[in-house]
PDB file of N, CA and C in Angstrom:
ATOM      1  N   MET A   1     127.067  39.456 109.930  1.00  0.00           N
ATOM      2  CA  MET A   1     127.779  40.547 110.532  1.00  0.00           C
ATOM      3  C   MET A   1     129.209  40.069 110.750  1.00  0.00           C
ATOM      4  N   SER A   2     130.150  40.888 110.369  1.00  0.00           N
ATOM      5  CA  SER A   2     131.559  40.558 110.477  1.00  0.00           C
ATOM      6  C   SER A   2     132.108  41.109 111.791  1.00  0.00           C
ATOM      7  N   VAL A   3     132.833  40.268 112.515  1.00  0.00           N
ATOM      8  CA  VAL A   3     133.413  40.662 113.804  1.00  0.00           C
ATOM      9  C   VAL A   3     134.832  40.101 113.904  1.00  0.00           C
ATOM     10  N   ASN A   4     135.569  40.541 114.920  1.00  0.00           N
ATOM     11  CA  ASN A   4     136.897  40.009 115.201  1.00  0.00           C
ATOM     12  C   ASN A   4     136.893  39.324 116.554  1.00  0.00           C
ATOM     13  N   TRP A   5     137.599  38.216 116.655  1.00  0.00           N
ATOM     14  CA  TRP A   5     137.753  37.467 117.894  1.00  0.00           C
ATOM     15  C   TRP A   5     138.927  38.087 118.650  1.00  0.00           C
ATOM     16  N   ASN A   6     138.658  38.527 119.890  1.00  0.00           N
ATOM     17  CA  ASN A   6     139.700  39.242 120.632  1.00  0.00           C
ATOM     18  C   ASN A   6     140.861  38.342 121.047  1.00  0.00           C
ATOM     19  N   LYS A   7     140.750  37.053 120.837  1.00  0.00           N
ATOM     20  CA  LYS A   7     141.884  36.154 121.083  1.00  0.00           C
ATOM     21  C   LYS A   7     143.012  36.441 120.085  1.00  0.00           C
ATOM     22  N   TYR A   8     142.633  36.924 118.904  1.00  0.00           N
ATOM     23  CA  TYR A   8     143.597  37.126 117.825  1.00  0.00           C
ATOM     24  C   TYR A   8     143.799  38.585 117.423  1.00  0.00           C
ATOM     25  N   ALA A   9     142.928  39.499 117.858  1.00  0.00           N
ATOM     26  CA  ALA A   9     143.071  40.908 117.481  1.00  0.00           C
ATOM     27  C   ALA A   9     142.597  41.798 118.626  1.00  0.00           C
ATOM     28  N   SER A  10     143.397  42.787 118.957  1.00  0.00           N
ATOM     29  CA  SER A  10     143.004  43.749 119.985  1.00  0.00           C
ATOM     30  C   SER A  10     141.964  44.709 119.410  1.00  0.00           C
ATOM     31  N   ALA A  11     141.361  45.481 120.280  1.00  0.00           N
ATOM     32  CA  ALA A  11     140.403  46.497 119.829  1.00  0.00           C
ATOM     33  C   ALA A  11     141.090  47.499 118.905  1.00  0.00           C
ATOM     34  N   GLU A  12     142.322  47.850 119.229  1.00  0.00           N
ATOM     35  CA  GLU A  12     143.075  48.803 118.399  1.00  0.00           C
ATOM     36  C   GLU A  12     143.340  48.231 117.006  1.00  0.00           C
ATOM     37  N   GLU A  13     143.728  46.952 116.949  1.00  0.00           N
ATOM     38  CA  GLU A  13     143.955  46.310 115.645  1.00  0.00           C
ATOM     39  C   GLU A  13     142.649  46.257 114.850  1.00  0.00           C
ATOM     40  N   THR A  14     141.566  45.950 115.522  1.00  0.00           N
ATOM     41  CA  THR A  14     140.266  45.891 114.862  1.00  0.00           C
ATOM     42  C   THR A  14     139.905  47.248 114.271  1.00  0.00           C
ATOM     43  N   LYS A  15     140.120  48.303 115.037  1.00  0.00           N
ATOM     44  CA  LYS A  15     139.806  49.647 114.543  1.00  0.00           C
ATOM     45  C   LYS A  15     140.636  49.988 113.310  1.00  0.00           C
ATOM     46  N   ARG A  16     141.916  49.630 113.335  1.00  0.00           N
ATOM     47  CA  ARG A  16     142.792  49.925 112.190  1.00  0.00           C
ATOM     48  C   ARG A  16     142.351  49.191 110.920  1.00  0.00           C
ATOM     49  N   GLN A  17     141.602  48.102 111.070  1.00  0.00           N
ATOM     50  CA  GLN A  17     141.151  47.340 109.911  1.00  0.00           C
ATOM     51  C   GLN A  17     139.931  47.948 109.220  1.00  0.00           C
ATOM     52  N   ALA A  18     139.361  48.993 109.787  1.00  0.00           N
ATOM     53  CA  ALA A  18     138.192  49.619 109.168  1.00  0.00           C
ATOM     54  C   ALA A  18     138.528  50.014 107.737  1.00  0.00           C
ATOM     55  N   ARG A  19     137.641  49.705 106.833  1.00  0.00           N
ATOM     56  CA  ARG A  19     137.904  49.963 105.407  1.00  0.00           C
ATOM     57  C   ARG A  19     137.766  51.433 105.047  1.00  0.00           C
ATOM     58  N   ILE A  20     136.915  52.148 105.794  1.00  0.00           N
ATOM     59  CA  ILE A  20     136.706  53.571 105.519  1.00  0.00           C
ATOM     60  C   ILE A  20     137.065  54.358 106.776  1.00  0.00           C
ATOM     61  N   ASN A  21     138.097  55.150 106.715  1.00  0.00           N
ATOM     62  CA  ASN A  21     138.553  56.046 107.769  1.00  0.00           C
ATOM     63  C   ASN A  21     138.404  55.478 109.186  1.00  0.00           C
ATOM     64  N   PRO A  22     139.360  54.729 109.642  1.00  0.00           N
ATOM     65  CA  PRO A  22     139.308  54.147 110.981  1.00  0.00           C
ATOM     66  C   PRO A  22     139.016  55.154 112.096  1.00  0.00           C
ATOM     67  N   ASP A  23     139.431  56.418 111.917  1.00  0.00           N
ATOM     68  CA  ASP A  23     139.201  57.418 112.958  1.00  0.00           C
ATOM     69  C   ASP A  23     137.720  57.744 113.151  1.00  0.00           C
ATOM     70  N   ASN A  24     136.895  57.381 112.198  1.00  0.00           N
ATOM     71  CA  ASN A  24     135.464  57.635 112.303  1.00  0.00           C
ATOM     72  C   ASN A  24     134.695  56.404 112.788  1.00  0.00           C
ATOM     73  N   ASN A  25     135.407  55.464 113.399  1.00  0.00           N
ATOM     74  CA  ASN A  25     134.776  54.234 113.881  1.00  0.00           C
ATOM     75  C   ASN A  25     135.050  54.021 115.354  1.00  0.00           C
ATOM     76  N   ALA A  26     134.066  53.453 116.035  1.00  0.00           N
ATOM     77  CA  ALA A  26     134.235  52.984 117.406  1.00  0.00           C
ATOM     78  C   ALA A  26     134.407  51.469 117.336  1.00  0.00           C
ATOM     79  N   VAL A  27     134.778  50.864 118.462  1.00  0.00           N
ATOM     80  CA  VAL A  27     134.865  49.407 118.542  1.00  0.00           C
ATOM     81  C   VAL A  27     134.034  48.966 119.739  1.00  0.00           C
ATOM     82  N   LEU A  28     133.130  48.031 119.496  1.00  0.00           N
ATOM     83  CA  LEU A  28     132.301  47.467 120.551  1.00  0.00           C
ATOM     84  C   LEU A  28     132.778  46.062 120.864  1.00  0.00           C
ATOM     85  N   ALA A  29     132.571  45.628 122.093  1.00  0.00           N
ATOM     86  CA  ALA A  29     132.912  44.265 122.493  1.00  0.00           C
ATOM     87  C   ALA A  29     131.650  43.570 122.986  1.00  0.00           C
ATOM     88  N   MET A  30     131.499  42.308 122.595  1.00  0.00           N
ATOM     89  CA  MET A  30     130.374  41.477 123.027  1.00  0.00           C
ATOM     90  C   MET A  30     130.892  40.069 123.254  1.00  0.00           C
ATOM     91  N   THR A  31     130.269  39.347 124.161  1.00  0.00           N
ATOM     92  CA  THR A  31     130.675  37.959 124.363  1.00  0.00           C
ATOM     93  C   THR A  31     129.955  37.073 123.357  1.00  0.00           C
ATOM     94  N   VAL A  32     130.607  35.997 122.996  1.00  0.00           N
ATOM     95  CA  VAL A  32     129.982  35.022 122.100  1.00  0.00           C
ATOM     96  C   VAL A  32     128.731  34.453 122.750  1.00  0.00           C
ATOM     97  N   ALA A  33     128.803  34.155 124.049  1.00  0.00           N
ATOM     98  CA  ALA A  33     127.634  33.614 124.751  1.00  0.00           C
ATOM     99  C   ALA A  33     126.470  34.600 124.702  1.00  0.00           C
ATOM    100  N   GLY A  34     126.777  35.886 124.850  1.00  0.00           N
ATOM    101  CA  GLY A  34     125.731  36.898 124.772  1.00  0.00           C
ATOM    102  C   GLY A  34     125.083  36.947 123.402  1.00  0.00           C
ATOM    103  N   ILE A  35     125.903  36.871 122.354  1.00  0.00           N
ATOM    104  CA  ILE A  35     125.372  36.898 120.983  1.00  0.00           C
ATOM    105  C   ILE A  35     124.538  35.644 120.722  1.00  0.00           C
ATOM    106  N   ARG A  36     125.071  34.494 121.099  1.00  0.00           N
ATOM    107  CA  ARG A  36     124.354  33.231 120.860  1.00  0.00           C
ATOM    108  C   ARG A  36     123.057  33.150 121.651  1.00  0.00           C
ATOM    109  N   GLY A  37     122.927  33.935 122.701  1.00  0.00           N
ATOM    110  CA  GLY A  37     121.710  33.957 123.498  1.00  0.00           C
ATOM    111  C   GLY A  37     120.612  34.817 122.913  1.00  0.00           C
ATOM    112  N   ILE A  38     120.879  35.429 121.774  1.00  0.00           N
ATOM    113  CA  ILE A  38     119.897  36.300 121.119  1.00  0.00           C
ATOM    114  C   ILE A  38     119.299  35.580 119.929  1.00  0.00           C
ATOM    115  N   GLY A  39     118.016  35.278 120.002  1.00  0.00           N
ATOM    116  CA  GLY A  39     117.309  34.653 118.889  1.00  0.00           C
ATOM    117  C   GLY A  39     118.047  33.465 118.328  1.00  0.00           C
ATOM    118  N   SER A  40     118.216  33.459 117.020  1.00  0.00           N
ATOM    119  CA  SER A  40     118.869  32.338 116.348  1.00  0.00           C
ATOM    120  C   SER A  40     120.279  32.705 115.873  1.00  0.00           C
ATOM    121  N   LEU A  41     120.906  33.671 116.541  1.00  0.00           N
ATOM    122  CA  LEU A  41     122.234  34.104 116.113  1.00  0.00           C
ATOM    123  C   LEU A  41     123.285  33.036 116.410  1.00  0.00           C
ATOM    124  N   LEU A  42     124.181  32.867 115.466  1.00  0.00           N
ATOM    125  CA  LEU A  42     125.289  31.924 115.575  1.00  0.00           C
ATOM    126  C   LEU A  42     126.589  32.680 115.329  1.00  0.00           C
ATOM    127  N   VAL A  43     127.653  32.271 115.995  1.00  0.00           N
ATOM    128  CA  VAL A  43     128.965  32.874 115.784  1.00  0.00           C
ATOM    129  C   VAL A  43     129.905  31.790 115.279  1.00  0.00           C
ATOM    130  N   GLU A  44     130.590  32.090 114.172  1.00  0.00           N
ATOM    131  CA  GLU A  44     131.503  31.119 113.571  1.00  0.00           C
ATOM    132  C   GLU A  44     132.842  31.796 113.278  1.00  0.00           C
ATOM    133  N   HIS A  45     133.935  31.163 113.696  1.00  0.00           N
ATOM    134  CA  HIS A  45     135.261  31.672 113.401  1.00  0.00           C
ATOM    135  C   HIS A  45     135.566  31.390 111.935  1.00  0.00           C
ATOM    136  N   THR A  46     135.762  32.445 111.156  1.00  0.00           N
ATOM    137  CA  THR A  46     135.993  32.323 109.716  1.00  0.00           C
ATOM    138  C   THR A  46     137.221  33.153 109.327  1.00  0.00           C
ATOM    139  N   PRO A  47     138.419  32.695 109.690  1.00  0.00           N
ATOM    140  CA  PRO A  47     139.629  33.468 109.394  1.00  0.00           C
ATOM    141  C   PRO A  47     139.743  33.794 107.910  1.00  0.00           C
ATOM    142  N   GLU A  48     140.323  34.951 107.642  1.00  0.00           N
ATOM    143  CA  GLU A  48     140.566  35.393 106.272  1.00  0.00           C
ATOM    144  C   GLU A  48     142.065  35.617 106.099  1.00  0.00           C
ATOM    145  N   PRO A  49     142.538  35.597 104.862  1.00  0.00           N
ATOM    146  CA  PRO A  49     143.955  35.928 104.656  1.00  0.00           C
ATOM    147  C   PRO A  49     144.247  37.314 105.234  1.00  0.00           C
ATOM    148  N   GLY A  50     145.219  37.401 106.105  1.00  0.00           N
ATOM    149  CA  GLY A  50     145.556  38.677 106.718  1.00  0.00           C
ATOM    150  C   GLY A  50     144.730  39.042 107.931  1.00  0.00           C
ATOM    151  N   ASN A  51     143.730  38.234 108.284  1.00  0.00           N
ATOM    152  CA  ASN A  51     142.925  38.513 109.473  1.00  0.00           C
ATOM    153  C   ASN A  51     142.491  37.203 110.128  1.00  0.00           C
ATOM    154  N   ARG A  52     143.363  36.687 110.959  1.00  0.00           N
ATOM    155  CA  ARG A  52     143.079  35.426 111.676  1.00  0.00           C
ATOM    156  C   ARG A  52     141.898  35.571 112.631  1.00  0.00           C
ATOM    157  N   ALA A  53     141.587  36.794 113.063  1.00  0.00           N
ATOM    158  CA  ALA A  53     140.532  37.046 114.043  1.00  0.00           C
ATOM    159  C   ALA A  53     139.126  37.068 113.438  1.00  0.00           C
ATOM    160  N   HIS A  54     139.027  37.140 112.130  1.00  0.00           N
ATOM    161  CA  HIS A  54     137.716  37.317 111.496  1.00  0.00           C
ATOM    162  C   HIS A  54     136.735  36.219 111.873  1.00  0.00           C
ATOM    163  N   SER A  55     135.536  36.637 112.213  1.00  0.00           N
ATOM    164  CA  SER A  55     134.439  35.725 112.538  1.00  0.00           C
ATOM    165  C   SER A  55     133.156  36.310 111.977  1.00  0.00           C
ATOM    166  N   ASP A  56     132.152  35.458 111.824  1.00  0.00           N
ATOM    167  CA  ASP A  56     130.855  35.911 111.306  1.00  0.00           C
ATOM    168  C   ASP A  56     129.762  35.627 112.311  1.00  0.00           C
ATOM    169  N   VAL A  57     128.824  36.571 112.405  1.00  0.00           N
ATOM    170  CA  VAL A  57     127.591  36.357 113.158  1.00  0.00           C
ATOM    171  C   VAL A  57     126.512  36.108 112.110  1.00  0.00           C
ATOM    172  N   ASN A  58     125.949  34.918 112.140  1.00  0.00           N
ATOM    173  CA  ASN A  58     124.937  34.520 111.165  1.00  0.00           C
ATOM    174  C   ASN A  58     123.584  34.382 111.853  1.00  0.00           C
ATOM    175  N   GLY A  59     122.537  34.379 111.044  1.00  0.00           N
ATOM    176  CA  GLY A  59     121.193  34.202 111.561  1.00  0.00           C
ATOM    177  C   GLY A  59     120.441  35.501 111.767  1.00  0.00           C
ATOM    178  N   LEU A  60     120.992  36.605 111.252  1.00  0.00           N
ATOM    179  CA  LEU A  60     120.276  37.876 111.361  1.00  0.00           C
ATOM    180  C   LEU A  60     119.005  37.813 110.518  1.00  0.00           C
ATOM    181  N   PRO A  61     117.882  38.277 111.058  1.00  0.00           N
ATOM    182  CA  PRO A  61     116.625  38.201 110.306  1.00  0.00           C
ATOM    183  C   PRO A  61     116.616  39.171 109.125  1.00  0.00           C
ATOM    184  N   VAL A  62     115.825  38.839 108.128  1.00  0.00           N
ATOM    185  CA  VAL A  62     115.659  39.686 106.951  1.00  0.00           C
ATOM    186  C   VAL A  62     114.588  40.744 107.219  1.00  0.00           C
ATOM    187  N   ASP A  63     113.577  40.375 107.986  1.00  0.00           N
ATOM    188  CA  ASP A  63     112.481  41.281 108.306  1.00  0.00           C
ATOM    189  C   ASP A  63     113.009  42.499 109.073  1.00  0.00           C
ATOM    190  N   ALA A  64     112.679  43.702 108.611  1.00  0.00           N
ATOM    191  CA  ALA A  64     113.216  44.936 109.180  1.00  0.00           C
ATOM    192  C   ALA A  64     112.864  45.097 110.657  1.00  0.00           C
ATOM    193  N   GLU A  65     111.651  44.778 111.036  1.00  0.00           N
ATOM    194  CA  GLU A  65     111.232  44.936 112.433  1.00  0.00           C
ATOM    195  C   GLU A  65     111.989  43.964 113.342  1.00  0.00           C
ATOM    196  N   GLN A  66     112.123  42.720 112.895  1.00  0.00           N
ATOM    197  CA  GLN A  66     112.866  41.736 113.680  1.00  0.00           C
ATOM    198  C   GLN A  66     114.347  42.111 113.781  1.00  0.00           C
ATOM    199  N   LEU A  67     114.905  42.628 112.684  1.00  0.00           N
ATOM    200  CA  LEU A  67     116.304  43.046 112.687  1.00  0.00           C
ATOM    201  C   LEU A  67     116.521  44.184 113.679  1.00  0.00           C
ATOM    202  N   THR A  68     115.593  45.119 113.732  1.00  0.00           N
ATOM    203  CA  THR A  68     115.684  46.216 114.696  1.00  0.00           C
ATOM    204  C   THR A  68     115.679  45.677 116.123  1.00  0.00           C
ATOM    205  N   GLN A  69     114.842  44.688 116.395  1.00  0.00           N
ATOM    206  CA  GLN A  69     114.797  44.089 117.730  1.00  0.00           C
ATOM    207  C   GLN A  69     116.126  43.422 118.080  1.00  0.00           C
ATOM    208  N   ILE A  70     116.698  42.709 117.116  1.00  0.00           N
ATOM    209  CA  ILE A  70     117.994  42.053 117.337  1.00  0.00           C
ATOM    210  C   ILE A  70     119.065  43.103 117.617  1.00  0.00           C
ATOM    211  N   ARG A  71     119.035  44.201 116.882  1.00  0.00           N
ATOM    212  CA  ARG A  71     120.023  45.269 117.092  1.00  0.00           C
ATOM    213  C   ARG A  71     119.918  45.851 118.495  1.00  0.00           C
ATOM    214  N   VAL A  72     118.702  46.005 118.994  1.00  0.00           N
ATOM    215  CA  VAL A  72     118.509  46.491 120.365  1.00  0.00           C
ATOM    216  C   VAL A  72     119.121  45.514 121.358  1.00  0.00           C
ATOM    217  N   PHE A  73     118.871  44.220 121.167  1.00  0.00           N
ATOM    218  CA  PHE A  73     119.458  43.207 122.059  1.00  0.00           C
ATOM    219  C   PHE A  73     120.985  43.238 121.998  1.00  0.00           C
ATOM    220  N   LEU A  74     121.544  43.387 120.791  1.00  0.00           N
ATOM    221  CA  LEU A  74     122.997  43.464 120.652  1.00  0.00           C
ATOM    222  C   LEU A  74     123.553  44.693 121.371  1.00  0.00           C
ATOM    223  N   LEU A  75     122.867  45.814 121.255  1.00  0.00           N
ATOM    224  CA  LEU A  75     123.320  47.020 121.954  1.00  0.00           C
ATOM    225  C   LEU A  75     123.315  46.830 123.459  1.00  0.00           C
ATOM    226  N   ARG A  76     122.357  46.062 123.959  1.00  0.00           N
ATOM    227  CA  ARG A  76     122.269  45.826 125.408  1.00  0.00           C
ATOM    228  C   ARG A  76     123.442  45.014 125.947  1.00  0.00           C
ATOM    229  N   ILE A  77     124.024  44.159 125.117  1.00  0.00           N
ATOM    230  CA  ILE A  77     125.152  43.343 125.590  1.00  0.00           C
ATOM    231  C   ILE A  77     126.504  43.944 125.202  1.00  0.00           C
ATOM    232  N   ALA A  78     126.492  44.998 124.411  1.00  0.00           N
ATOM    233  CA  ALA A  78     127.736  45.600 123.927  1.00  0.00           C
ATOM    234  C   ALA A  78     128.383  46.487 124.986  1.00  0.00           C
ATOM    235  N   VAL A  79     129.711  46.460 124.975  1.00  0.00           N
ATOM    236  CA  VAL A  79     130.530  47.333 125.813  1.00  0.00           C
ATOM    237  C   VAL A  79     131.415  48.128 124.861  1.00  0.00           C
ATOM    238  N   ILE A  80     131.555  49.407 125.105  1.00  0.00           N
ATOM    239  CA  ILE A  80     132.398  50.237 124.243  1.00  0.00           C
ATOM    240  C   ILE A  80     133.866  49.966 124.575  1.00  0.00           C
ATOM    241  N   ALA A  81     134.580  49.383 123.620  1.00  0.00           N
ATOM    242  CA  ALA A  81     136.010  49.106 123.798  1.00  0.00           C
ATOM    243  C   ALA A  81     136.843  50.335 123.413  1.00  0.00           C
ATOM    244  N   ILE A  82     136.457  50.985 122.319  1.00  0.00           N
ATOM    245  CA  ILE A  82     137.080  52.225 121.884  1.00  0.00           C
ATOM    246  C   ILE A  82     135.965  53.156 121.433  1.00  0.00           C
ATOM    247  N   PRO A  83     135.778  54.285 122.116  1.00  0.00           N
ATOM    248  CA  PRO A  83     134.713  55.202 121.721  1.00  0.00           C
ATOM    249  C   PRO A  83     135.064  55.949 120.441  1.00  0.00           C
ATOM    250  N   LEU A  84     134.082  56.601 119.875  1.00  0.00           N
ATOM    251  CA  LEU A  84     134.321  57.459 118.715  1.00  0.00           C
ATOM    252  C   LEU A  84     135.272  58.581 119.094  1.00  0.00           C
ATOM    253  N   ASN A  85     136.037  59.055 118.119  1.00  0.00           N
ATOM    254  CA  ASN A  85     136.958  60.186 118.306  1.00  0.00           C
ATOM    255  C   ASN A  85     137.960  59.961 119.415  1.00  0.00           C
ATOM    256  N   ASN A  86     138.489  58.750 119.468  1.00  0.00           N
ATOM    257  CA  ASN A  86     139.512  58.451 120.474  1.00  0.00           C
ATOM    258  C   ASN A  86     140.837  58.227 119.793  1.00  0.00           C
TER     259      ASN A  86
END
């Protein structure tokens, strides 16, 4: 899962980076500690050309049922930084 580190990109900058119509996207915020506390998820800072904030969340399960459980846990720690249609 691709994410941005808020040390290097604001929520607004992150939204503008959406590849398909930024206006149809929300931005969620989660702590690294919260993500790392879920199963075997790992967070790694992986800057890209033009996006110093880019990071990856690795360790997502392949099994559909397990992935759904991880998504529920992620939703529980997420805070809406920019809602849809804002």
